[in-house]
C-alpha atoms as a PDB file:
ATOM      1  CA  MET A   1     166.254 -30.578 204.880  1.00  0.00           C
ATOM      2  CA  ASN A   2     167.705 -30.497 208.395  1.00  0.00           C
ATOM      3  CA  LEU A   3     164.513 -28.753 209.553  1.00  0.00           C
ATOM      4  CA  GLU A   4     162.420 -31.476 207.910  1.00  0.00           C
ATOM      5  CA  LYS A   5     164.518 -34.221 209.491  1.00  0.00           C
ATOM      6  CA  GLY A   6     164.060 -32.661 212.906  1.00  0.00           C
ATOM      7  CA  PHE A   7     160.279 -32.710 212.605  1.00  0.00           C
ATOM      8  CA  LEU A   8     160.169 -36.245 211.220  1.00  0.00           C
ATOM      9  CA  GLU A   9     162.259 -37.518 214.138  1.00  0.00           C
ATOM     10  CA  LYS A  10     159.972 -36.057 216.831  1.00  0.00           C
ATOM     11  CA  LYS A  11     158.762 -38.722 219.212  1.00  0.00           C
ATOM     12  CA  ILE A  12     155.110 -39.735 219.070  1.00  0.00           C
ATOM     13  CA  ASP A  13     153.345 -41.199 222.067  1.00  0.00           C
ATOM     14  CA  PRO A  14     152.494 -44.753 220.925  1.00  0.00           C
ATOM     15  CA  SER A  15     149.219 -44.607 222.835  1.00  0.00           C
ATOM     16  CA  LEU A  16     147.933 -41.719 220.708  1.00  0.00           C
ATOM     17  CA  ASP A  17     144.876 -42.382 218.560  1.00  0.00           C
ATOM     18  CA  LEU A  18     146.308 -40.890 215.378  1.00  0.00           C
ATOM     19  CA  PHE A  19     142.981 -40.875 213.556  1.00  0.00           C
ATOM     20  CA  LYS A  20     141.382 -38.899 216.384  1.00  0.00           C
ATOM     21  CA  GLU A  21     144.334 -36.511 216.695  1.00  0.00           C
ATOM     22  CA  ILE A  22     144.492 -35.848 212.950  1.00  0.00           C
ATOM     23  CA  LEU A  23     140.750 -35.175 212.791  1.00  0.00           C
ATOM     24  CA  HIS A  24     141.120 -32.726 215.689  1.00  0.00           C
ATOM     25  CA  LEU A  25     144.037 -30.931 214.019  1.00  0.00           C
ATOM     26  CA  LYS A  26     142.146 -30.683 210.731  1.00  0.00           C
ATOM     27  CA  LYS A  27     139.186 -29.073 212.478  1.00  0.00           C
ATOM     28  CA  THR A  28     141.136 -26.617 214.626  1.00  0.00           C
ATOM     29  CA  LYS A  29     143.481 -25.544 211.816  1.00  0.00           C
ATOM     30  CA  ASN A  30     140.895 -25.542 208.989  1.00  0.00           C
ATOM     31  CA  ALA A  31     143.057 -28.045 207.159  1.00  0.00           C
ATOM     32  CA  ILE A  32     142.173 -30.459 204.379  1.00  0.00           C
ATOM     33  CA  ILE A  33     143.950 -33.691 203.467  1.00  0.00           C
ATOM     34  CA  LEU A  34     144.143 -34.524 199.774  1.00  0.00           C
ATOM     35  CA  ALA A  35     145.337 -38.073 199.089  1.00  0.00           C
ATOM     36  CA  HIS A  36     146.175 -39.953 195.926  1.00  0.00           C
ATOM     37  CA  TYR A  37     144.735 -43.419 195.306  1.00  0.00           C
ATOM     38  CA  TYR A  38     148.246 -44.861 195.664  1.00  0.00           C
ATOM     39  CA  GLN A  39     148.516 -43.978 199.353  1.00  0.00           C
ATOM     40  CA  ASN A  40     148.309 -46.614 202.080  1.00  0.00           C
ATOM     41  CA  ALA A  41     144.782 -47.600 203.131  1.00  0.00           C
ATOM     42  CA  ASP A  42     144.868 -45.800 206.494  1.00  0.00           C
ATOM     43  CA  ILE A  43     145.841 -42.524 204.811  1.00  0.00           C
ATOM     44  CA  GLN A  44     143.040 -42.912 202.284  1.00  0.00           C
ATOM     45  CA  ASP A  45     140.611 -43.461 205.144  1.00  0.00           C
ATOM     46  CA  ILE A  46     141.621 -40.233 206.935  1.00  0.00           C
ATOM     47  CA  ALA A  47     141.627 -38.087 203.785  1.00  0.00           C
ATOM     48  CA  ASP A  48     138.985 -35.518 202.903  1.00  0.00           C
ATOM     49  CA  TYR A  49     139.345 -36.285 199.216  1.00  0.00           C
ATOM     50  CA  ILE A  50     140.914 -39.236 197.418  1.00  0.00           C
ATOM     51  CA  GLY A  51     141.546 -39.041 193.703  1.00  0.00           C
ATOM     52  CA  ASP A  52     143.802 -39.126 190.694  1.00  0.00           C
ATOM     53  CA  SER A  53     145.865 -36.196 189.448  1.00  0.00           C
ATOM     54  CA  LEU A  54     143.014 -34.401 187.685  1.00  0.00           C
ATOM     55  CA  GLY A  55     140.575 -34.746 190.578  1.00  0.00           C
ATOM     56  CA  LEU A  56     143.201 -33.669 193.085  1.00  0.00           C
ATOM     57  CA  ALA A  57     144.062 -30.582 191.038  1.00  0.00           C
ATOM     58  CA  GLN A  58     140.378 -29.687 190.787  1.00  0.00           C
ATOM     59  CA  GLN A  59     139.946 -30.067 194.546  1.00  0.00           C
ATOM     60  CA  ALA A  60     143.084 -28.037 195.263  1.00  0.00           C
ATOM     61  CA  GLU A  61     141.808 -25.205 193.078  1.00  0.00           C
ATOM     62  CA  LYS A  62     138.441 -24.854 194.801  1.00  0.00           C
ATOM     63  CA  THR A  63     139.282 -25.526 198.464  1.00  0.00           C
ATOM     64  CA  LYS A  64     138.725 -22.795 201.057  1.00  0.00           C
ATOM     65  CA  ALA A  65     140.991 -24.466 203.618  1.00  0.00           C
ATOM     66  CA  ASP A  66     143.805 -22.535 205.280  1.00  0.00           C
ATOM     67  CA  ILE A  67     146.100 -25.552 205.053  1.00  0.00           C
ATOM     68  CA  ILE A  68     146.351 -28.246 202.397  1.00  0.00           C
ATOM     69  CA  LEU A  69     148.172 -31.378 203.480  1.00  0.00           C
ATOM     70  CA  PHE A  70     149.008 -33.340 200.364  1.00  0.00           C
ATOM     71  CA  ALA A  71     149.420 -37.069 200.876  1.00  0.00           C
ATOM     72  CA  GLY A  72     150.996 -37.861 197.553  1.00  0.00           C
ATOM     73  CA  VAL A  73     154.277 -36.943 195.907  1.00  0.00           C
ATOM     74  CA  HIS A  74     156.137 -33.682 195.456  1.00  0.00           C
ATOM     75  CA  PHE A  75     154.798 -32.614 192.054  1.00  0.00           C
ATOM     76  CA  MET A  76     151.215 -33.026 193.327  1.00  0.00           C
ATOM     77  CA  ALA A  77     151.879 -30.730 196.282  1.00  0.00           C
ATOM     78  CA  GLU A  78     153.502 -28.257 193.871  1.00  0.00           C
ATOM     79  CA  THR A  79     150.334 -28.271 191.773  1.00  0.00           C
ATOM     80  CA  ALA A  80     148.234 -27.535 194.855  1.00  0.00           C
ATOM     81  CA  LYS A  81     150.527 -24.623 195.776  1.00  0.00           C
ATOM     82  CA  ILE A  82     150.441 -23.264 192.221  1.00  0.00           C
ATOM     83  CA  LEU A  83     146.640 -23.276 192.254  1.00  0.00           C
ATOM     84  CA  ASN A  84     146.440 -21.881 195.810  1.00  0.00           C
ATOM     85  CA  PRO A  85     149.511 -19.670 196.242  1.00  0.00           C
ATOM     86  CA  LYS A  86     148.221 -18.010 199.435  1.00  0.00           C
ATOM     87  CA  THR A  87     147.400 -21.333 201.108  1.00  0.00           C
ATOM     88  CA  LYS A  88     149.937 -23.164 203.248  1.00  0.00           C
ATOM     89  CA  VAL A  89     150.729 -26.511 201.583  1.00  0.00           C
ATOM     90  CA  LEU A  90     152.260 -29.285 203.661  1.00  0.00           C
ATOM     91  CA  ILE A  91     153.777 -32.509 202.427  1.00  0.00           C
ATOM     92  CA  PRO A  92     154.432 -35.249 205.015  1.00  0.00           C
ATOM     93  CA  ASP A  93     157.808 -36.157 203.533  1.00  0.00           C
ATOM     94  CA  LEU A  94     159.720 -33.860 201.168  1.00  0.00           C
ATOM     95  CA  LYS A  95     161.577 -36.895 199.817  1.00  0.00           C
ATOM     96  CA  ALA A  96     158.359 -38.222 198.264  1.00  0.00           C
ATOM     97  CA  GLY A  97     159.432 -37.627 194.681  1.00  0.00           C
ATOM     98  CA  CYS A  98     158.508 -39.320 191.401  1.00  0.00           C
ATOM     99  CA  SER A  99     160.624 -41.438 189.061  1.00  0.00           C
ATOM    100  CA  LEU A 100     158.700 -40.123 186.049  1.00  0.00           C
ATOM    101  CA  ALA A 101     159.215 -36.488 187.037  1.00  0.00           C
ATOM    102  CA  ASP A 102     162.894 -37.225 187.668  1.00  0.00           C
ATOM    103  CA  SER A 103     163.239 -38.638 184.134  1.00  0.00           C
ATOM    104  CA  CYS A 104     162.738 -35.157 182.648  1.00  0.00           C
ATOM    105  CA  PRO A 105     165.476 -32.688 183.742  1.00  0.00           C
ATOM    106  CA  PRO A 106     164.446 -29.085 182.920  1.00  0.00           C
ATOM    107  CA  ASN A 107     167.678 -28.095 181.124  1.00  0.00           C
ATOM    108  CA  GLU A 108     167.572 -31.160 178.878  1.00  0.00           C
ATOM    109  CA  PHE A 109     163.897 -30.718 178.153  1.00  0.00           C
ATOM    110  CA  ALA A 110     164.397 -27.041 177.292  1.00  0.00           C
ATOM    111  CA  ALA A 111     167.007 -28.081 174.709  1.00  0.00           C
ATOM    112  CA  PHE A 112     164.667 -30.799 173.398  1.00  0.00           C
ATOM    113  CA  LYS A 113     161.883 -28.242 173.035  1.00  0.00           C
ATOM    114  CA  ALA A 114     164.199 -25.802 171.230  1.00  0.00           C
ATOM    115  CA  SER A 115     165.129 -28.537 168.750  1.00  0.00           C
ATOM    116  CA  HIS A 116     161.466 -28.915 167.762  1.00  0.00           C
ATOM    117  CA  PRO A 117     160.256 -25.419 166.826  1.00  0.00           C
ATOM    118  CA  ASN A 118     156.585 -24.798 166.031  1.00  0.00           C
ATOM    119  CA  HIS A 119     155.518 -27.644 168.331  1.00  0.00           C
ATOM    120  CA  VAL A 120     152.869 -27.260 171.024  1.00  0.00           C
ATOM    121  CA  VAL A 121     154.121 -28.740 174.296  1.00  0.00           C
ATOM    122  CA  LEU A 122     151.648 -30.993 176.106  1.00  0.00           C
ATOM    123  CA  THR A 123     153.011 -32.233 179.383  1.00  0.00           C
ATOM    124  CA  TYR A 124     151.695 -34.931 181.653  1.00  0.00           C
ATOM    125  CA  ILE A 125     150.993 -33.523 185.109  1.00  0.00           C
ATOM    126  CA  ASN A 126     153.558 -35.971 186.574  1.00  0.00           C
ATOM    127  CA  CYS A 127     156.382 -33.467 186.150  1.00  0.00           C
ATOM    128  CA  THR A 128     158.078 -30.719 188.122  1.00  0.00           C
ATOM    129  CA  ALA A 129     156.952 -27.097 188.191  1.00  0.00           C
ATOM    130  CA  ASP A 130     160.023 -26.187 186.114  1.00  0.00           C
ATOM    131  CA  ILE A 131     158.782 -28.484 183.341  1.00  0.00           C
ATOM    132  CA  LYS A 132     155.273 -27.057 183.602  1.00  0.00           C
ATOM    133  CA  VAL A 133     156.767 -23.619 182.927  1.00  0.00           C
ATOM    134  CA  LEU A 134     158.030 -24.958 179.591  1.00  0.00           C
ATOM    135  CA  SER A 135     154.602 -26.339 178.677  1.00  0.00           C
ATOM    136  CA  ASP A 136     151.596 -24.990 176.811  1.00  0.00           C
ATOM    137  CA  VAL A 137     148.991 -27.284 178.348  1.00  0.00           C
ATOM    138  CA  ILE A 138     149.174 -29.824 181.167  1.00  0.00           C
ATOM    139  CA  VAL A 139     147.287 -33.099 180.729  1.00  0.00           C
ATOM    140  CA  THR A 140     146.406 -36.101 182.882  1.00  0.00           C
ATOM    141  CA  SER A 141     145.619 -39.666 181.870  1.00  0.00           C
ATOM    142  CA  THR A 142     141.940 -38.744 182.290  1.00  0.00           C
ATOM    143  CA  ASN A 143     141.885 -35.862 179.817  1.00  0.00           C
ATOM    144  CA  ALA A 144     144.949 -36.367 177.587  1.00  0.00           C
ATOM    145  CA  VAL A 145     143.120 -37.862 174.592  1.00  0.00           C
ATOM    146  CA  GLN A 146     140.479 -35.111 174.540  1.00  0.00           C
ATOM    147  CA  ILE A 147     143.078 -32.357 174.885  1.00  0.00           C
ATOM    148  CA  VAL A 148     145.251 -33.802 172.120  1.00  0.00           C
ATOM    149  CA  GLU A 149     142.232 -34.089 169.817  1.00  0.00           C
ATOM    150  CA  SER A 150     141.293 -30.461 170.520  1.00  0.00           C
ATOM    151  CA  PHE A 151     144.275 -29.395 168.409  1.00  0.00           C
ATOM    152  CA  PRO A 152     144.169 -29.427 164.590  1.00  0.00           C
ATOM    153  CA  LYS A 153     145.404 -32.651 162.995  1.00  0.00           C
ATOM    154  CA  ASP A 154     148.350 -30.836 161.422  1.00  0.00           C
ATOM    155  CA  GLN A 155     149.501 -29.246 164.701  1.00  0.00           C
ATOM    156  CA  LYS A 156     152.924 -30.527 165.666  1.00  0.00           C
ATOM    157  CA  ILE A 157     153.019 -31.669 169.296  1.00  0.00           C
ATOM    158  CA  ILE A 158     155.661 -32.594 171.836  1.00  0.00           C
ATOM    159  CA  PHE A 159     154.403 -34.928 174.553  1.00  0.00           C
ATOM    160  CA  ALA A 160     156.361 -35.357 177.782  1.00  0.00           C
ATOM    161  CA  PRO A 161     157.523 -36.909 179.985  1.00  0.00           C
ATOM    162  CA  ASP A 162     155.863 -40.371 179.746  1.00  0.00           C
ATOM    163  CA  LYS A 163     156.690 -42.143 176.480  1.00  0.00           C
ATOM    164  CA  ASN A 164     154.265 -45.000 177.176  1.00  0.00           C
ATOM    165  CA  LEU A 165     151.273 -42.737 177.755  1.00  0.00           C
ATOM    166  CA  GLY A 166     152.322 -40.690 174.725  1.00  0.00           C
ATOM    167  CA  ALA A 167     152.583 -43.792 172.531  1.00  0.00           C
ATOM    168  CA  TYR A 168     149.146 -44.954 173.695  1.00  0.00           C
ATOM    169  CA  ILE A 169     147.635 -41.549 172.850  1.00  0.00           C
ATOM    170  CA  ASN A 170     149.324 -41.612 169.432  1.00  0.00           C
ATOM    171  CA  LYS A 171     147.731 -44.991 168.783  1.00  0.00           C
ATOM    172  CA  ILE A 172     144.275 -43.886 169.939  1.00  0.00           C
ATOM    173  CA  THR A 173     144.259 -40.554 168.113  1.00  0.00           C
ATOM    174  CA  GLY A 174     146.323 -41.388 165.040  1.00  0.00           C
ATOM    175  CA  ARG A 175     148.703 -38.549 165.874  1.00  0.00           C
ATOM    176  CA  ASN A 176     152.470 -38.585 165.575  1.00  0.00           C
ATOM    177  CA  MET A 177     153.468 -36.616 168.637  1.00  0.00           C
ATOM    178  CA  VAL A 178     157.165 -36.320 169.388  1.00  0.00           C
ATOM    179  CA  LEU A 179     157.739 -38.181 172.640  1.00  0.00           C
ATOM    180  CA  TRP A 180     160.175 -37.430 175.435  1.00  0.00           C
ATOM    181  CA  ASN A 181     161.893 -40.625 176.608  1.00  0.00           C
ATOM    182  CA  GLY A 182     160.576 -40.789 180.186  1.00  0.00           C
ATOM    183  CA  SER A 183     158.702 -43.446 182.132  1.00  0.00           C
ATOM    184  CA  CYS A 184     157.320 -44.468 185.520  1.00  0.00           C
ATOM    185  CA  MET A 185     159.270 -47.250 187.201  1.00  0.00           C
ATOM    186  CA  VAL A 186     156.119 -48.653 188.817  1.00  0.00           C
ATOM    187  CA  HIS A 187     154.236 -49.084 185.547  1.00  0.00           C
ATOM    188  CA  GLU A 188     157.252 -50.400 183.635  1.00  0.00           C
ATOM    189  CA  ILE A 189     157.952 -53.154 186.139  1.00  0.00           C
ATOM    190  CA  PHE A 190     155.063 -55.448 185.174  1.00  0.00           C
ATOM    191  CA  SER A 191     156.198 -58.725 183.645  1.00  0.00           C
ATOM    192  CA  LEU A 192     154.518 -59.815 180.415  1.00  0.00           C
ATOM    193  CA  GLU A 193     155.497 -63.441 181.035  1.00  0.00           C
ATOM    194  CA  LYS A 194     154.006 -63.381 184.542  1.00  0.00           C
ATOM    195  CA  LEU A 195     150.909 -61.596 183.298  1.00  0.00           C
ATOM    196  CA  ILE A 196     150.280 -64.370 180.775  1.00  0.00           C
ATOM    197  CA  LYS A 197     150.641 -66.956 183.544  1.00  0.00           C
ATOM    198  CA  LEU A 198     148.312 -64.935 185.752  1.00  0.00           C
ATOM    199  CA  LYS A 199     145.761 -64.826 182.951  1.00  0.00           C
ATOM    200  CA  ALA A 200     145.938 -68.618 182.705  1.00  0.00           C
ATOM    201  CA  GLN A 201     145.546 -68.936 186.474  1.00  0.00           C
ATOM    202  CA  TYR A 202     142.521 -66.582 186.524  1.00  0.00           C
ATOM    203  CA  PRO A 203     140.930 -67.068 183.075  1.00  0.00           C
ATOM    204  CA  LYS A 204     137.759 -65.172 183.999  1.00  0.00           C
ATOM    205  CA  ALA A 205     139.588 -62.138 185.400  1.00  0.00           C
ATOM    206  CA  LEU A 206     139.557 -58.975 183.310  1.00  0.00           C
ATOM    207  CA  ILE A 207     142.861 -57.150 182.949  1.00  0.00           C
ATOM    208  CA  LEU A 208     142.694 -53.472 183.926  1.00  0.00           C
ATOM    209  CA  ALA A 209     145.730 -51.395 182.924  1.00  0.00           C
ATOM    210  CA  HIS A 210     146.949 -47.830 183.243  1.00  0.00           C
ATOM    211  CA  PRO A 211     148.248 -46.315 179.968  1.00  0.00           C
ATOM    212  CA  GLU A 212     151.647 -45.679 181.588  1.00  0.00           C
ATOM    213  CA  CYS A 213     152.277 -49.421 181.135  1.00  0.00           C
ATOM    214  CA  GLU A 214     154.384 -50.548 178.171  1.00  0.00           C
ATOM    215  CA  ALA A 215     152.665 -51.344 174.867  1.00  0.00           C
ATOM    216  CA  PRO A 216     153.090 -55.179 174.999  1.00  0.00           C
ATOM    217  CA  ILE A 217     151.337 -55.186 178.391  1.00  0.00           C
ATOM    218  CA  LEU A 218     148.515 -52.976 177.115  1.00  0.00           C
ATOM    219  CA  GLU A 219     147.871 -55.433 174.274  1.00  0.00           C
ATOM    220  CA  TYR A 220     146.528 -57.891 176.854  1.00  0.00           C
ATOM    221  CA  ALA A 221     144.329 -55.382 178.667  1.00  0.00           C
ATOM    222  CA  ASP A 222     140.546 -55.636 178.622  1.00  0.00           C
ATOM    223  CA  PHE A 223     140.307 -52.033 179.776  1.00  0.00           C
ATOM    224  CA  ILE A 224     142.858 -49.193 179.668  1.00  0.00           C
ATOM    225  CA  GLY A 225     142.266 -45.996 181.573  1.00  0.00           C
ATOM    226  CA  SER A 226     143.244 -43.519 184.259  1.00  0.00           C
ATOM    227  CA  THR A 227     143.226 -44.545 187.895  1.00  0.00           C
ATOM    228  CA  THR A 228     139.712 -43.165 188.360  1.00  0.00           C
ATOM    229  CA  ALA A 229     138.494 -44.741 185.117  1.00  0.00           C
ATOM    230  CA  ILE A 230     139.839 -48.135 186.210  1.00  0.00           C
ATOM    231  CA  LEU A 231     138.086 -47.782 189.567  1.00  0.00           C
ATOM    232  CA  ASN A 232     134.782 -46.813 187.938  1.00  0.00           C
ATOM    233  CA  TYR A 233     135.026 -49.638 185.401  1.00  0.00           C
ATOM    234  CA  SER A 234     135.503 -52.211 188.144  1.00  0.00           C
ATOM    235  CA  LYS A 235     132.397 -50.880 189.927  1.00  0.00           C
ATOM    236  CA  THR A 236     130.097 -51.218 186.929  1.00  0.00           C
ATOM    237  CA  SER A 237     131.531 -54.333 185.275  1.00  0.00           C
ATOM    238  CA  ASP A 238     129.666 -57.629 185.622  1.00  0.00           C
ATOM    239  CA  SER A 239     132.980 -59.412 186.049  1.00  0.00           C
ATOM    240  CA  LYS A 240     133.827 -60.650 189.544  1.00  0.00           C
ATOM    241  CA  GLU A 241     137.613 -60.932 189.101  1.00  0.00           C
ATOM    242  CA  PHE A 242     140.180 -58.403 187.930  1.00  0.00           C
ATOM    243  CA  ASN A 243     143.919 -58.352 187.350  1.00  0.00           C
ATOM    244  CA  VAL A 244     145.095 -54.834 188.217  1.00  0.00           C
ATOM    245  CA  LEU A 245     148.029 -53.313 186.328  1.00  0.00           C
ATOM    246  CA  THR A 246     148.708 -50.121 188.212  1.00  0.00           C
ATOM    247  CA  GLU A 247     149.958 -49.186 191.676  1.00  0.00           C
ATOM    248  CA  SER A 248     148.332 -51.531 194.181  1.00  0.00           C
ATOM    249  CA  GLY A 249     147.084 -48.724 196.455  1.00  0.00           C
ATOM    250  CA  ILE A 250     144.026 -48.389 194.208  1.00  0.00           C
ATOM    251  CA  ILE A 251     142.835 -51.833 195.281  1.00  0.00           C
ATOM    252  CA  HIS A 252     141.733 -50.444 198.662  1.00  0.00           C
ATOM    253  CA  GLN A 253     139.087 -48.255 197.034  1.00  0.00           C
ATOM    254  CA  LYS A 254     138.108 -50.997 194.593  1.00  0.00           C
ATOM    255  CA  GLN A 255     137.536 -53.425 197.444  1.00  0.00           C
ATOM    256  CA  LYS A 256     135.522 -50.874 199.431  1.00  0.00           C
ATOM    257  CA  ALA A 257     133.329 -50.138 196.407  1.00  0.00           C
ATOM    258  CA  SER A 258     132.951 -53.790 195.374  1.00  0.00           C
ATOM    259  CA  PRO A 259     133.473 -56.021 198.435  1.00  0.00           C
ATOM    260  CA  ASN A 260     132.182 -59.125 196.619  1.00  0.00           C
ATOM    261  CA  LYS A 261     134.734 -58.835 193.811  1.00  0.00           C
ATOM    262  CA  THR A 262     138.321 -60.101 193.700  1.00  0.00           C
ATOM    263  CA  PHE A 263     141.234 -57.851 192.716  1.00  0.00           C
ATOM    264  CA  ILE A 264     144.606 -59.429 191.945  1.00  0.00           C
ATOM    265  CA  PRO A 265     147.635 -57.128 191.699  1.00  0.00           C
ATOM    266  CA  ALA A 266     149.704 -57.970 188.640  1.00  0.00           C
ATOM    267  CA  PRO A 267     153.178 -59.278 189.503  1.00  0.00           C
ATOM    268  CA  PRO A 268     156.333 -57.291 188.767  1.00  0.00           C
ATOM    269  CA  ASN A 269     159.241 -58.825 186.876  1.00  0.00           C
ATOM    270  CA  ASN A 270     161.016 -59.947 190.034  1.00  0.00           C
ATOM    271  CA  SER A 271     160.210 -60.890 193.618  1.00  0.00           C
ATOM    272  CA  CYS A 272     160.111 -57.338 195.005  1.00  0.00           C
ATOM    273  CA  ALA A 273     157.043 -55.210 195.672  1.00  0.00           C
ATOM    274  CA  CYS A 274     158.047 -52.830 192.887  1.00  0.00           C
ATOM    275  CA  ASN A 275     154.462 -52.339 191.770  1.00  0.00           C
ATOM    276  CA  ASP A 276     154.131 -50.301 194.975  1.00  0.00           C
ATOM    277  CA  CYS A 277     155.471 -46.777 194.483  1.00  0.00           C
ATOM    278  CA  PRO A 278     158.223 -46.341 197.096  1.00  0.00           C
ATOM    279  CA  TYR A 279     157.777 -42.565 197.007  1.00  0.00           C
ATOM    280  CA  MET A 280     154.037 -42.699 197.650  1.00  0.00           C
ATOM    281  CA  LYS A 281     154.633 -45.092 200.515  1.00  0.00           C
ATOM    282  CA  LEU A 282     156.989 -42.667 202.282  1.00  0.00           C
ATOM    283  CA  ASN A 283     153.895 -40.965 203.661  1.00  0.00           C
ATOM    284  CA  THR A 284     152.545 -42.383 206.927  1.00  0.00           C
ATOM    285  CA  LEU A 285     149.897 -41.465 209.492  1.00  0.00           C
ATOM    286  CA  GLU A 286     152.663 -40.512 211.912  1.00  0.00           C
ATOM    287  CA  LYS A 287     154.189 -38.078 209.413  1.00  0.00           C
ATOM    288  CA  ILE A 288     150.776 -36.614 208.632  1.00  0.00           C
ATOM    289  CA  TYR A 289     150.131 -36.029 212.331  1.00  0.00           C
ATOM    290  CA  ILE A 290     153.517 -34.343 212.800  1.00  0.00           C
ATOM    291  CA  ALA A 291     153.089 -32.221 209.663  1.00  0.00           C
ATOM    292  CA  LEU A 292     149.693 -30.945 210.799  1.00  0.00           C
ATOM    293  CA  LYS A 293     150.784 -30.397 214.405  1.00  0.00           C
ATOM    294  CA  TYR A 294     153.892 -28.378 213.568  1.00  0.00           C
ATOM    295  CA  GLU A 295     152.808 -27.181 210.085  1.00  0.00           C
ATOM    296  CA  GLN A 296     156.033 -28.506 208.614  1.00  0.00           C
ATOM    297  CA  PRO A 297     157.445 -29.482 206.159  1.00  0.00           C
ATOM    298  CA  GLU A 298     155.883 -26.661 204.164  1.00  0.00           C
ATOM    299  CA  LEU A 299     156.236 -26.616 200.399  1.00  0.00           C
ATOM    300  CA  LEU A 300     157.589 -23.228 199.323  1.00  0.00           C
ATOM    301  CA  MET A 301     157.813 -21.852 195.786  1.00  0.00           C
ATOM    302  CA  SER A 302     158.744 -18.468 194.367  1.00  0.00           C
ATOM    303  CA  ASP A 303     155.962 -16.183 193.126  1.00  0.00           C
ATOM    304  CA  GLU A 304     157.569 -16.107 189.680  1.00  0.00           C
ATOM    305  CA  LEU A 305     157.619 -19.905 189.381  1.00  0.00           C
ATOM    306  CA  ILE A 306     154.010 -20.145 190.570  1.00  0.00           C
ATOM    307  CA  GLU A 307     152.832 -17.548 188.072  1.00  0.00           C
ATOM    308  CA  LYS A 308     154.571 -19.184 185.103  1.00  0.00           C
ATOM    309  CA  ALA A 309     153.613 -22.757 186.002  1.00  0.00           C
ATOM    310  CA  ARG A 310     149.994 -21.810 186.670  1.00  0.00           C
ATOM    311  CA  LYS A 311     149.090 -20.921 183.074  1.00  0.00           C
ATOM    312  CA  PRO A 312     149.269 -24.423 181.520  1.00  0.00           C
ATOM    313  CA  ILE A 313     147.508 -25.968 184.537  1.00  0.00           C
ATOM    314  CA  VAL A 314     144.640 -23.469 184.340  1.00  0.00           C
ATOM    315  CA  LYS A 315     144.395 -24.184 180.609  1.00  0.00           C
ATOM    316  CA  MET A 316     144.028 -27.888 181.425  1.00  0.00           C
ATOM    317  CA  LEU A 317     141.309 -27.218 183.984  1.00  0.00           C
ATOM    318  CA  GLU A 318     139.425 -25.004 181.528  1.00  0.00           C
ATOM    319  CA  LEU A 319     139.555 -27.666 178.820  1.00  0.00           C
ATOM    320  CA  SER A 320     138.575 -30.397 181.284  1.00  0.00           C
ATOM    321  CA  ALA A 321     135.507 -28.379 182.290  1.00  0.00           C
ATOM    322  CA  LYS A 322     134.673 -27.835 178.622  1.00  0.00           C
ATOM    323  CA  PHE A 323     134.849 -31.602 178.001  1.00  0.00           C
ATOM    324  CA  GLY A 324     132.771 -32.337 181.103  1.00  0.00           C
ATOM    325  CA  LEU A 325     135.628 -34.111 182.896  1.00  0.00           C
END
């Protein structure tokens, strides 16, 4: 961590054109920038690929770059390293964690798994590599329903770590998966009372929600889907106004795709900007420039951890390809 701090504190000439410098570094180092939809707009604009967890994993698997810079959070960079163990993976800020991943400690989850024998373990990709090791198949919000339904109806299933996504899948599929009690602080912060008021203020606006939101919020949604599904829905819908119930970073791509439409971020349950993920927002253009220039901080993992965590991710990618996702 001291090494990381040293790189992050390096002085940057304020006159530098960071976009130009980053593009130059990408070209000379054969580097690729993968960015999640929740990143700041300027990072999205400099990225080679912008996507949700499934799309990012697919891109990480097939890239021929020598360096992957992952503008996202730690578990996403881990996934890229697992799928490309010989490729150098950089993350602009090693402190860019995830509240959902943190809600599932490996030792506690191992005990939870042991207490439910004969259960298949399906784990949302928003988890650490140590949790992936304990899993049979990884899922994302894009492919979770299809993967769950690929198992026989009588197959007992543990779903972790997001209880809200798990409950939504149970409702959609009629399953009774055992749910780990984890959640994402960003998607649990939306206020039902404020949403109702927002709906009254914008009566023509459709409500678009991510399935990590709590069930009472989802009851009011006109469309529920993954980040990419929400983006695609807003492109094709005839509606001109949308209330968006997910991290507000996605609005940048929505606005670029549909400049004549209005996107209103749903309010959290207090006056803070808690519907912005503080971990995602740790990444900046300055940190990306420094990371590419000095090739630090580098995400390192043991060969044993990579090998064990790779199996359930590859299984997910195989099933996603089978389902045409």
